Structure formats: C-alpha cells, structure tokens
PDB file of all heavy atoms in Angstrom:
ATOM      1  N   LEU A   1     -82.181   2.972  10.375  1.00  0.00           N
ATOM      2  CA  LEU A   1     -81.410   1.757  10.219  1.00  0.00           C
ATOM      3  C   LEU A   1     -82.146   0.682   9.419  1.00  0.00           C
ATOM      4  O   LEU A   1     -81.617  -0.407   9.189  1.00  0.00           O
ATOM      5  CB  LEU A   1     -81.045   1.177  11.591  1.00  0.00           C
ATOM      6  CG  LEU A   1     -80.118   2.037  12.453  1.00  0.00           C
ATOM      7  CD1 LEU A   1     -79.976   1.444  13.848  1.00  0.00           C
ATOM      8  CD2 LEU A   1     -78.738   2.160  11.782  1.00  0.00           C
ATOM      9  N   GLY A   2     -83.393   0.992   8.971  1.00  0.00           N
ATOM     10  CA  GLY A   2     -84.152  -0.014   8.201  1.00  0.00           C
ATOM     11  C   GLY A   2     -84.613  -1.183   9.037  1.00  0.00           C
ATOM     12  O   GLY A   2     -84.828  -2.280   8.507  1.00  0.00           O
ATOM     13  N   VAL A   3     -84.779  -0.980  10.339  1.00  0.00           N
ATOM     14  CA  VAL A   3     -85.194  -2.044  11.242  1.00  0.00           C
ATOM     15  C   VAL A   3     -86.700  -2.264  11.146  1.00  0.00           C
ATOM     16  O   VAL A   3     -87.475  -1.305  11.129  1.00  0.00           O
ATOM     17  CB  VAL A   3     -84.805  -1.711  12.684  1.00  0.00           C
ATOM     18  CG1 VAL A   3     -85.350  -2.736  13.668  1.00  0.00           C
ATOM     19  CG2 VAL A   3     -83.281  -1.603  12.805  1.00  0.00           C
ATOM     20  N   VAL A   4     -87.114  -3.514  11.086  1.00  0.00           N
ATOM     21  CA  VAL A   4     -88.536  -3.860  11.195  1.00  0.00           C
ATOM     22  C   VAL A   4     -88.895  -3.959  12.680  1.00  0.00           C
ATOM     23  O   VAL A   4     -88.333  -4.788  13.410  1.00  0.00           O
ATOM     24  CB  VAL A   4     -88.818  -5.194  10.493  1.00  0.00           C
ATOM     25  CG1 VAL A   4     -90.284  -5.561  10.659  1.00  0.00           C
ATOM     26  CG2 VAL A   4     -88.467  -5.124   8.996  1.00  0.00           C
ATOM     27  N   ALA A   5     -89.804  -3.104  13.115  1.00  0.00           N
ATOM     28  CA  ALA A   5     -90.301  -3.162  14.482  1.00  0.00           C
ATOM     29  C   ALA A   5     -91.473  -4.140  14.528  1.00  0.00           C
ATOM     30  O   ALA A   5     -92.543  -3.865  14.022  1.00  0.00           O
ATOM     31  CB  ALA A   5     -90.724  -1.783  14.958  1.00  0.00           C
ATOM     32  N   ASN A   6     -91.194  -5.310  15.084  1.00  0.00           N
ATOM     33  CA  ASN A   6     -92.260  -6.319  15.206  1.00  0.00           C
ATOM     34  C   ASN A   6     -92.946  -6.148  16.553  1.00  0.00           C
ATOM     35  O   ASN A   6     -92.306  -6.191  17.603  1.00  0.00           O
ATOM     36  CB  ASN A   6     -91.690  -7.738  15.081  1.00  0.00           C
ATOM     37  CG  ASN A   6     -92.706  -8.796  15.383  1.00  0.00           C
ATOM     38  OD1 ASN A   6     -92.728  -9.355  16.481  1.00  0.00           O
ATOM     39  ND2 ASN A   6     -93.555  -9.107  14.429  1.00  0.00           N
ATOM     40  N   PHE A   7     -94.248  -5.970  16.534  1.00  0.00           N
ATOM     41  CA  PHE A   7     -95.046  -5.807  17.742  1.00  0.00           C
ATOM     42  C   PHE A   7     -95.997  -6.995  17.868  1.00  0.00           C
ATOM     43  O   PHE A   7     -96.486  -7.540  16.869  1.00  0.00           O
ATOM     44  CB  PHE A   7     -95.895  -4.554  17.692  1.00  0.00           C
ATOM     45  CG  PHE A   7     -95.125  -3.267  17.839  1.00  0.00           C
ATOM     46  CD1 PHE A   7     -94.743  -2.527  16.707  1.00  0.00           C
ATOM     47  CD2 PHE A   7     -94.788  -2.774  19.108  1.00  0.00           C
ATOM     48  CE1 PHE A   7     -94.063  -1.332  16.850  1.00  0.00           C
ATOM     49  CE2 PHE A   7     -94.106  -1.577  19.242  1.00  0.00           C
ATOM     50  CZ  PHE A   7     -93.734  -0.858  18.119  1.00  0.00           C
ATOM     51  N   GLU A   8     -96.273  -7.364  19.105  1.00  0.00           N
ATOM     52  CA  GLU A   8     -97.393  -8.229  19.439  1.00  0.00           C
ATOM     53  C   GLU A   8     -98.500  -7.282  19.958  1.00  0.00           C
ATOM     54  O   GLU A   8     -98.518  -6.977  21.161  1.00  0.00           O
ATOM     55  CB  GLU A   8     -96.994  -9.290  20.470  1.00  0.00           C
ATOM     56  CG  GLU A   8     -96.192 -10.417  19.851  1.00  0.00           C
ATOM     57  CD  GLU A   8     -94.943  -9.950  19.083  1.00  0.00           C
ATOM     58  OE1 GLU A   8     -94.091  -9.284  19.680  1.00  0.00           O
ATOM     59  OE2 GLU A   8     -94.847 -10.233  17.885  1.00  0.00           O
ATOM     60  N   PRO A   9     -99.356  -6.748  19.113  1.00  0.00           N
ATOM     61  CA  PRO A   9    -100.231  -5.641  19.501  1.00  0.00           C
ATOM     62  C   PRO A   9    -101.197  -5.989  20.594  1.00  0.00           C
ATOM     63  O   PRO A   9    -101.675  -5.082  21.312  1.00  0.00           O
ATOM     64  CB  PRO A   9    -100.969  -5.315  18.184  1.00  0.00           C
ATOM     65  CG  PRO A   9    -100.916  -6.558  17.376  1.00  0.00           C
ATOM     66  CD  PRO A   9     -99.577  -7.174  17.698  1.00  0.00           C
ATOM     67  N   LEU A  10    -101.505  -7.264  20.773  1.00  0.00           N
ATOM     68  CA  LEU A  10    -102.432  -7.660  21.826  1.00  0.00           C
ATOM     69  C   LEU A  10    -101.912  -7.245  23.203  1.00  0.00           C
ATOM     70  O   LEU A  10    -102.695  -7.099  24.160  1.00  0.00           O
ATOM     71  CB  LEU A  10    -102.678  -9.173  21.780  1.00  0.00           C
ATOM     72  CG  LEU A  10    -103.761  -9.738  22.689  1.00  0.00           C
ATOM     73  CD1 LEU A  10    -105.133  -9.150  22.358  1.00  0.00           C
ATOM     74  CD2 LEU A  10    -103.796 -11.260  22.604  1.00  0.00           C
ATOM     75  N   TRP A  11    -100.610  -7.099  23.358  1.00  0.00           N
ATOM     76  CA  TRP A  11    -100.024  -6.788  24.650  1.00  0.00           C
ATOM     77  C   TRP A  11    -100.196  -5.320  25.041  1.00  0.00           C
ATOM     78  O   TRP A  11     -99.975  -4.955  26.210  1.00  0.00           O
ATOM     79  CB  TRP A  11     -98.538  -7.152  24.653  1.00  0.00           C
ATOM     80  CG  TRP A  11     -98.230  -8.580  24.334  1.00  0.00           C
ATOM     81  CD1 TRP A  11     -99.133  -9.596  24.157  1.00  0.00           C
ATOM     82  CD2 TRP A  11     -96.939  -9.146  24.129  1.00  0.00           C
ATOM     83  NE1 TRP A  11     -98.466 -10.764  23.851  1.00  0.00           N
ATOM     84  CE2 TRP A  11     -97.129 -10.505  23.830  1.00  0.00           C
ATOM     85  CE3 TRP A  11     -95.647  -8.632  24.144  1.00  0.00           C
ATOM     86  CZ2 TRP A  11     -96.075 -11.370  23.557  1.00  0.00           C
ATOM     87  CZ3 TRP A  11     -94.584  -9.491  23.892  1.00  0.00           C
ATOM     88  CH2 TRP A  11     -94.796 -10.847  23.609  1.00  0.00           C
ATOM     89  N   ALA A  12    -100.561  -4.483  24.085  1.00  0.00           N
ATOM     90  CA  ALA A  12    -100.591  -3.029  24.336  1.00  0.00           C
ATOM     91  C   ALA A  12    -101.914  -2.610  24.937  1.00  0.00           C
ATOM     92  O   ALA A  12    -102.681  -1.791  24.398  1.00  0.00           O
ATOM     93  CB  ALA A  12    -100.336  -2.288  23.023  1.00  0.00           C
ATOM     94  N   GLN A  13    -102.230  -3.166  26.101  1.00  0.00           N
ATOM     95  CA  GLN A  13    -103.509  -2.889  26.752  1.00  0.00           C
ATOM     96  C   GLN A  13    -103.303  -2.828  28.269  1.00  0.00           C
ATOM     97  O   GLN A  13    -102.338  -3.400  28.829  1.00  0.00           O
ATOM     98  CB  GLN A  13    -104.532  -3.962  26.415  1.00  0.00           C
ATOM     99  CG  GLN A  13    -104.086  -5.399  26.751  1.00  0.00           C
ATOM    100  CD  GLN A  13    -105.154  -6.432  26.540  1.00  0.00           C
ATOM    101  OE1 GLN A  13    -106.119  -6.483  27.310  1.00  0.00           O
ATOM    102  NE2 GLN A  13    -104.999  -7.236  25.504  1.00  0.00           N
ATOM    103  N   ASP A  14    -104.201  -2.159  28.961  1.00  0.00           N
ATOM    104  CA  ASP A  14    -104.106  -1.956  30.394  1.00  0.00           C
ATOM    105  C   ASP A  14    -104.799  -3.122  31.125  1.00  0.00           C
ATOM    106  O   ASP A  14    -105.804  -2.972  31.790  1.00  0.00           O
ATOM    107  CB  ASP A  14    -104.777  -0.625  30.757  1.00  0.00           C
ATOM    108  CG  ASP A  14    -104.603  -0.288  32.248  1.00  0.00           C
ATOM    109  OD1 ASP A  14    -103.594  -0.705  32.831  1.00  0.00           O
ATOM    110  OD2 ASP A  14    -105.507   0.350  32.799  1.00  0.00           O
ATOM    111  N   ASN A  15    -104.178  -4.296  30.994  1.00  0.00           N
ATOM    112  CA  ASN A  15    -104.751  -5.487  31.623  1.00  0.00           C
ATOM    113  C   ASN A  15    -104.080  -5.776  32.955  1.00  0.00           C
ATOM    114  O   ASN A  15    -103.266  -4.993  33.458  1.00  0.00           O
ATOM    115  CB  ASN A  15    -104.677  -6.684  30.673  1.00  0.00           C
ATOM    116  CG  ASN A  15    -103.248  -6.954  30.221  1.00  0.00           C
ATOM    117  OD1 ASN A  15    -102.297  -6.348  30.717  1.00  0.00           O
ATOM    118  ND2 ASN A  15    -103.089  -7.867  29.267  1.00  0.00           N
ATOM    119  N   GLU A  16    -104.364  -6.928  33.517  1.00  0.00           N
ATOM    120  CA  GLU A  16    -103.885  -7.251  34.844  1.00  0.00           C
ATOM    121  C   GLU A  16    -102.371  -7.322  34.898  1.00  0.00           C
ATOM    122  O   GLU A  16    -101.726  -6.827  35.853  1.00  0.00           O
ATOM    123  CB  GLU A  16    -104.505  -8.569  35.324  1.00  0.00           C
ATOM    124  CG  GLU A  16    -104.260  -8.868  36.793  1.00  0.00           C
ATOM    125  CD  GLU A  16    -104.973 -10.095  37.271  1.00  0.00           C
ATOM    126  OE1 GLU A  16    -105.703 -10.735  36.449  1.00  0.00           O
ATOM    127  OE2 GLU A  16    -104.860 -10.444  38.454  1.00  0.00           O
ATOM    128  N   ILE A  17    -101.761  -7.970  33.904  1.00  0.00           N
ATOM    129  CA  ILE A  17    -100.287  -8.081  33.925  1.00  0.00           C
ATOM    130  C   ILE A  17     -99.638  -6.708  33.804  1.00  0.00           C
ATOM    131  O   ILE A  17     -98.595  -6.427  34.391  1.00  0.00           O
ATOM    132  CB  ILE A  17     -99.793  -9.059  32.846  1.00  0.00           C
ATOM    133  CG1 ILE A  17     -98.344  -9.462  33.102  1.00  0.00           C
ATOM    134  CG2 ILE A  17     -99.964  -8.457  31.436  1.00  0.00           C
ATOM    135  CD1 ILE A  17     -97.884 -10.606  32.213  1.00  0.00           C
ATOM    136  N   MET A  18    -100.261  -5.810  33.061  1.00  0.00           N
ATOM    137  CA  MET A  18     -99.750  -4.463  32.933  1.00  0.00           C
ATOM    138  C   MET A  18     -99.871  -3.710  34.267  1.00  0.00           C
ATOM    139  O   MET A  18     -98.918  -3.045  34.731  1.00  0.00           O
ATOM    140  CB  MET A  18    -100.509  -3.704  31.827  1.00  0.00           C
ATOM    141  CG  MET A  18    -100.013  -2.289  31.566  1.00  0.00           C
ATOM    142  SD  MET A  18     -98.362  -2.203  30.891  1.00  0.00           S
ATOM    143  CE  MET A  18     -98.635  -2.887  29.227  1.00  0.00           C
ATOM    144  N   ARG A  19    -101.039  -3.840  34.897  1.00  0.00           N
ATOM    145  CA  ARG A  19    -101.279  -3.094  36.137  1.00  0.00           C
ATOM    146  C   ARG A  19    -100.480  -3.640  37.323  1.00  0.00           C
ATOM    147  O   ARG A  19    -100.013  -2.871  38.159  1.00  0.00           O
ATOM    148  CB  ARG A  19    -102.784  -3.112  36.452  1.00  0.00           C
ATOM    149  CG  ARG A  19    -103.644  -2.337  35.503  1.00  0.00           C
ATOM    150  CD  ARG A  19    -105.085  -2.213  36.015  1.00  0.00           C
ATOM    151  NE  ARG A  19    -105.738  -3.500  36.064  1.00  0.00           N
ATOM    152  CZ  ARG A  19    -106.504  -4.006  35.096  1.00  0.00           C
ATOM    153  NH1 ARG A  19    -106.663  -3.309  33.963  1.00  0.00           N
ATOM    154  NH2 ARG A  19    -107.100  -5.165  35.218  1.00  0.00           N
ATOM    155  N   ASP A  20    -100.343  -5.000  37.373  1.00  0.00           N
ATOM    156  CA  ASP A  20     -99.794  -5.601  38.589  1.00  0.00           C
ATOM    157  C   ASP A  20     -98.278  -5.857  38.509  1.00  0.00           C
ATOM    158  O   ASP A  20     -97.599  -5.788  39.559  1.00  0.00           O
ATOM    159  CB  ASP A  20    -100.488  -6.943  38.871  1.00  0.00           C
ATOM    160  CG  ASP A  20    -101.956  -6.768  39.215  1.00  0.00           C
ATOM    161  OD1 ASP A  20    -102.384  -5.588  39.442  1.00  0.00           O
ATOM    162  OD2 ASP A  20    -102.660  -7.766  39.292  1.00  0.00           O
ATOM    163  N   LEU A  21     -97.762  -6.147  37.322  1.00  0.00           N
ATOM    164  CA  LEU A  21     -96.363  -6.561  37.239  1.00  0.00           C
ATOM    165  C   LEU A  21     -95.494  -5.657  36.355  1.00  0.00           C
ATOM    166  O   LEU A  21     -94.267  -5.672  36.503  1.00  0.00           O
ATOM    167  CB  LEU A  21     -96.261  -7.983  36.698  1.00  0.00           C
ATOM    168  CG  LEU A  21     -96.858  -9.102  37.573  1.00  0.00           C
ATOM    169  CD1 LEU A  21     -96.684 -10.451  36.901  1.00  0.00           C
ATOM    170  CD2 LEU A  21     -96.192  -9.122  38.961  1.00  0.00           C
ATOM    171  N   THR A  22     -96.082  -4.905  35.467  1.00  0.00           N
ATOM    172  CA  THR A  22     -95.279  -4.119  34.527  1.00  0.00           C
ATOM    173  C   THR A  22     -95.166  -2.631  34.965  1.00  0.00           C
ATOM    174  O   THR A  22     -94.050  -2.165  35.207  1.00  0.00           O
ATOM    175  CB  THR A  22     -95.859  -4.215  33.103  1.00  0.00           C
ATOM    176  OG1 THR A  22     -95.929  -5.600  32.731  1.00  0.00           O
ATOM    177  CG2 THR A  22     -94.991  -3.482  32.124  1.00  0.00           C
ATOM    178  N   VAL A  23     -96.275  -1.933  35.005  1.00  0.00           N
ATOM    179  CA  VAL A  23     -96.219  -0.500  35.365  1.00  0.00           C
ATOM    180  C   VAL A  23     -95.595  -0.274  36.721  1.00  0.00           C
ATOM    181  O   VAL A  23     -94.774   0.649  36.899  1.00  0.00           O
ATOM    182  CB  VAL A  23     -97.603   0.125  35.243  1.00  0.00           C
ATOM    183  CG1 VAL A  23     -97.592   1.548  35.802  1.00  0.00           C
ATOM    184  CG2 VAL A  23     -98.073   0.143  33.776  1.00  0.00           C
ATOM    185  N   PRO A  24     -95.899  -1.071  37.768  1.00  0.00           N
ATOM    186  CA  PRO A  24     -95.272  -0.847  39.064  1.00  0.00           C
ATOM    187  C   PRO A  24     -93.756  -0.999  39.017  1.00  0.00           C
ATOM    188  O   PRO A  24     -93.049  -0.353  39.803  1.00  0.00           O
ATOM    189  CB  PRO A  24     -95.897  -1.918  39.955  1.00  0.00           C
ATOM    190  CG  PRO A  24     -97.188  -2.220  39.315  1.00  0.00           C
ATOM    191  CD  PRO A  24     -96.950  -2.141  37.839  1.00  0.00           C
ATOM    192  N   ARG A  25     -93.243  -1.819  38.113  1.00  0.00           N
ATOM    193  CA  ARG A  25     -91.800  -1.976  38.000  1.00  0.00           C
ATOM    194  C   ARG A  25     -91.138  -0.836  37.226  1.00  0.00           C
ATOM    195  O   ARG A  25     -89.939  -0.623  37.341  1.00  0.00           O
ATOM    196  CB  ARG A  25     -91.481  -3.316  37.297  1.00  0.00           C
ATOM    197  CG  ARG A  25     -91.624  -4.530  38.180  1.00  0.00           C
ATOM    198  CD  ARG A  25     -91.003  -5.730  37.481  1.00  0.00           C
ATOM    199  NE  ARG A  25     -90.690  -6.764  38.473  1.00  0.00           N
ATOM    200  CZ  ARG A  25     -91.466  -7.812  38.739  1.00  0.00           C
ATOM    201  NH1 ARG A  25     -92.604  -7.962  38.047  1.00  0.00           N
ATOM    202  NH2 ARG A  25     -91.101  -8.706  39.621  1.00  0.00           N
ATOM    203  N   LEU A  26     -91.930  -0.112  36.405  1.00  0.00           N
ATOM    204  CA  LEU A  26     -91.366   0.927  35.560  1.00  0.00           C
ATOM    205  C   LEU A  26     -91.558   2.330  36.131  1.00  0.00           C
ATOM    206  O   LEU A  26     -90.716   3.195  35.967  1.00  0.00           O
ATOM    207  CB  LEU A  26     -91.996   0.868  34.170  1.00  0.00           C
ATOM    208  CG  LEU A  26     -91.740  -0.393  33.334  1.00  0.00           C
ATOM    209  CD1 LEU A  26     -92.535  -0.320  32.039  1.00  0.00           C
ATOM    210  CD2 LEU A  26     -90.258  -0.570  33.076  1.00  0.00           C
ATOM    211  N   GLY A  27     -92.722   2.566  36.764  1.00  0.00           N
ATOM    212  CA  GLY A  27     -93.075   3.909  37.158  1.00  0.00           C
ATOM    213  C   GLY A  27     -93.761   4.652  36.027  1.00  0.00           C
ATOM    214  O   GLY A  27     -93.716   4.221  34.872  1.00  0.00           O
ATOM    215  N   PRO A  28     -94.426   5.757  36.320  1.00  0.00           N
ATOM    216  CA  PRO A  28     -95.285   6.415  35.334  1.00  0.00           C
ATOM    217  C   PRO A  28     -94.569   6.941  34.112  1.00  0.00           C
ATOM    218  O   PRO A  28     -95.104   6.909  33.005  1.00  0.00           O
ATOM    219  CB  PRO A  28     -95.969   7.533  36.123  1.00  0.00           C
ATOM    220  CG  PRO A  28     -95.095   7.731  37.325  1.00  0.00           C
ATOM    221  CD  PRO A  28     -94.503   6.406  37.650  1.00  0.00           C
ATOM    222  N   GLU A  29     -93.356   7.492  34.255  1.00  0.00           N
ATOM    223  CA  GLU A  29     -92.694   8.072  33.109  1.00  0.00           C
ATOM    224  C   GLU A  29     -92.307   7.005  32.082  1.00  0.00           C
ATOM    225  O   GLU A  29     -92.656   7.099  30.897  1.00  0.00           O
ATOM    226  CB  GLU A  29     -91.449   8.847  33.507  1.00  0.00           C
ATOM    227  CG  GLU A  29     -90.729   9.489  32.319  1.00  0.00           C
ATOM    228  CD  GLU A  29     -89.465  10.251  32.673  1.00  0.00           C
ATOM    229  OE1 GLU A  29     -89.125  10.260  33.871  1.00  0.00           O
ATOM    230  OE2 GLU A  29     -88.844  10.806  31.776  1.00  0.00           O
ATOM    231  N   ARG A  30     -91.626   5.972  32.520  1.00  0.00           N
ATOM    232  CA  ARG A  30     -91.222   4.930  31.592  1.00  0.00           C
ATOM    233  C   ARG A  30     -92.430   4.149  31.041  1.00  0.00           C
ATOM    234  O   ARG A  30     -92.404   3.652  29.922  1.00  0.00           O
ATOM    235  CB  ARG A  30     -90.208   3.979  32.246  1.00  0.00           C
ATOM    236  CG  ARG A  30     -88.853   4.574  32.420  1.00  0.00           C
ATOM    237  CD  ARG A  30     -87.866   3.565  32.961  1.00  0.00           C
ATOM    238  NE  ARG A  30     -88.204   3.074  34.274  1.00  0.00           N
ATOM    239  CZ  ARG A  30     -87.427   2.292  35.024  1.00  0.00           C
ATOM    240  NH1 ARG A  30     -86.248   1.905  34.540  1.00  0.00           N
ATOM    241  NH2 ARG A  30     -87.772   1.888  36.227  1.00  0.00           N
ATOM    242  N   ALA A  31     -93.485   4.055  31.838  1.00  0.00           N
ATOM    243  CA  ALA A  31     -94.664   3.327  31.403  1.00  0.00           C
ATOM    244  C   ALA A  31     -95.237   3.950  30.115  1.00  0.00           C
ATOM    245  O   ALA A  31     -95.911   3.267  29.325  1.00  0.00           O
ATOM    246  CB  ALA A  31     -95.746   3.276  32.491  1.00  0.00           C
ATOM    247  N   ARG A  32     -95.006   5.226  29.890  1.00  0.00           N
ATOM    248  CA  ARG A  32     -95.528   5.907  28.714  1.00  0.00           C
ATOM    249  C   ARG A  32     -94.725   5.582  27.447  1.00  0.00           C
ATOM    250  O   ARG A  32     -95.127   5.972  26.362  1.00  0.00           O
ATOM    251  CB  ARG A  32     -95.545   7.419  28.915  1.00  0.00           C
ATOM    252  CG  ARG A  32     -96.572   7.874  29.953  1.00  0.00           C
ATOM    253  CD  ARG A  32     -96.747   9.389  29.900  1.00  0.00           C
ATOM    254  NE  ARG A  32     -95.600  10.106  30.371  1.00  0.00           N
ATOM    255  CZ  ARG A  32     -95.423  10.491  31.648  1.00  0.00           C
ATOM    256  NH1 ARG A  32     -96.366  10.191  32.534  1.00  0.00           N
ATOM    257  NH2 ARG A  32     -94.346  11.150  32.039  1.00  0.00           N
ATOM    258  N   TRP A  33     -93.630   4.854  27.582  1.00  0.00           N
ATOM    259  CA  TRP A  33     -92.806   4.522  26.433  1.00  0.00           C
ATOM    260  C   TRP A  33     -93.142   3.133  25.847  1.00  0.00           C
ATOM    261  O   TRP A  33     -92.467   2.644  24.923  1.00  0.00           O
ATOM    262  CB  TRP A  33     -91.325   4.495  26.812  1.00  0.00           C
ATOM    263  CG  TRP A  33     -90.789   5.766  27.394  1.00  0.00           C
ATOM    264  CD1 TRP A  33     -91.403   7.002  27.406  1.00  0.00           C
ATOM    265  CD2 TRP A  33     -89.556   5.927  28.063  1.00  0.00           C
ATOM    266  NE1 TRP A  33     -90.599   7.940  28.036  1.00  0.00           N
ATOM    267  CE2 TRP A  33     -89.453   7.294  28.452  1.00  0.00           C
ATOM    268  CE3 TRP A  33     -88.495   5.078  28.391  1.00  0.00           C
ATOM    269  CZ2 TRP A  33     -88.344   7.826  29.144  1.00  0.00           C
ATOM    270  CZ3 TRP A  33     -87.389   5.572  29.061  1.00  0.00           C
ATOM    271  CH2 TRP A  33     -87.313   6.928  29.432  1.00  0.00           C
ATOM    272  N   GLN A  34     -94.208   2.522  26.322  1.00  0.00           N
ATOM    273  CA  GLN A  34     -94.486   1.127  25.978  1.00  0.00           C
ATOM    274  C   GLN A  34     -95.219   1.025  24.637  1.00  0.00           C
ATOM    275  O   GLN A  34     -96.139   1.767  24.344  1.00  0.00           O
ATOM    276  CB  GLN A  34     -95.324   0.471  27.047  1.00  0.00           C
ATOM    277  CG  GLN A  34     -94.636   0.355  28.400  1.00  0.00           C
ATOM    278  CD  GLN A  34     -95.466  -0.402  29.385  1.00  0.00           C
ATOM    279  OE1 GLN A  34     -95.459  -1.630  29.391  1.00  0.00           O
ATOM    280  NE2 GLN A  34     -96.223   0.302  30.200  1.00  0.00           N
ATOM    281  N   TYR A  35     -94.760   0.058  23.842  1.00  0.00           N
ATOM    282  CA  TYR A  35     -95.410  -0.313  22.580  1.00  0.00           C
ATOM    283  C   TYR A  35     -95.722   0.903  21.728  1.00  0.00           C
ATOM    284  O   TYR A  35     -96.893   1.214  21.436  1.00  0.00           O
ATOM    285  CB  TYR A  35     -96.672  -1.119  22.820  1.00  0.00           C
ATOM    286  CG  TYR A  35     -96.421  -2.352  23.680  1.00  0.00           C
ATOM    287  CD1 TYR A  35     -97.039  -2.488  24.936  1.00  0.00           C
ATOM    288  CD2 TYR A  35     -95.593  -3.364  23.237  1.00  0.00           C
ATOM    289  CE1 TYR A  35     -96.793  -3.608  25.720  1.00  0.00           C
ATOM    290  CE2 TYR A  35     -95.358  -4.496  24.039  1.00  0.00           C
ATOM    291  CZ  TYR A  35     -95.960  -4.593  25.264  1.00  0.00           C
ATOM    292  OH  TYR A  35     -95.740  -5.697  26.038  1.00  0.00           O
ATOM    293  N   PRO A  36     -94.696   1.622  21.262  1.00  0.00           N
ATOM    294  CA  PRO A  36     -94.906   2.871  20.507  1.00  0.00           C
ATOM    295  C   PRO A  36     -95.273   2.614  19.037  1.00  0.00           C
ATOM    296  O   PRO A  36     -94.587   3.071  18.122  1.00  0.00           O
ATOM    297  CB  PRO A  36     -93.554   3.571  20.621  1.00  0.00           C
ATOM    298  CG  PRO A  36     -92.562   2.448  20.695  1.00  0.00           C
ATOM    299  CD  PRO A  36     -93.264   1.362  21.498  1.00  0.00           C
ATOM    300  N   ILE A  37     -96.364   1.911  18.830  1.00  0.00           N
ATOM    301  CA  ILE A  37     -96.763   1.520  17.461  1.00  0.00           C
ATOM    302  C   ILE A  37     -97.087   2.744  16.635  1.00  0.00           C
ATOM    303  O   ILE A  37     -96.587   2.938  15.530  1.00  0.00           O
ATOM    304  CB  ILE A  37     -97.987   0.564  17.512  1.00  0.00           C
ATOM    305  CG1 ILE A  37     -97.645  -0.701  18.365  1.00  0.00           C
ATOM    306  CG2 ILE A  37     -98.360   0.156  16.084  1.00  0.00           C
ATOM    307  CD1 ILE A  37     -98.824  -1.603  18.570  1.00  0.00           C
TER     308      ILE A  37
END
C-alpha cells in the first residue's frame, strides 16, 4: 500500500513498562509481534 511505517525505536526494548504493563496485557505470542522494524 506504500505506507510509511513510522517507529519510535527507543520503545523497542525490554524495559520496565514493557515488563510490567505491556507484555502481561498481551501474553507471550502477541508480545512477539511488537515493533517489527
């Protein structure tokens, strides 16, 4: 579709917000779909 995928690459890390608020809400399978740069 010619879409520009804009990423904020700093977010693609296993930090506290990822561990405490993001991955627990998604579960392991969906967590692997994050920030597919």
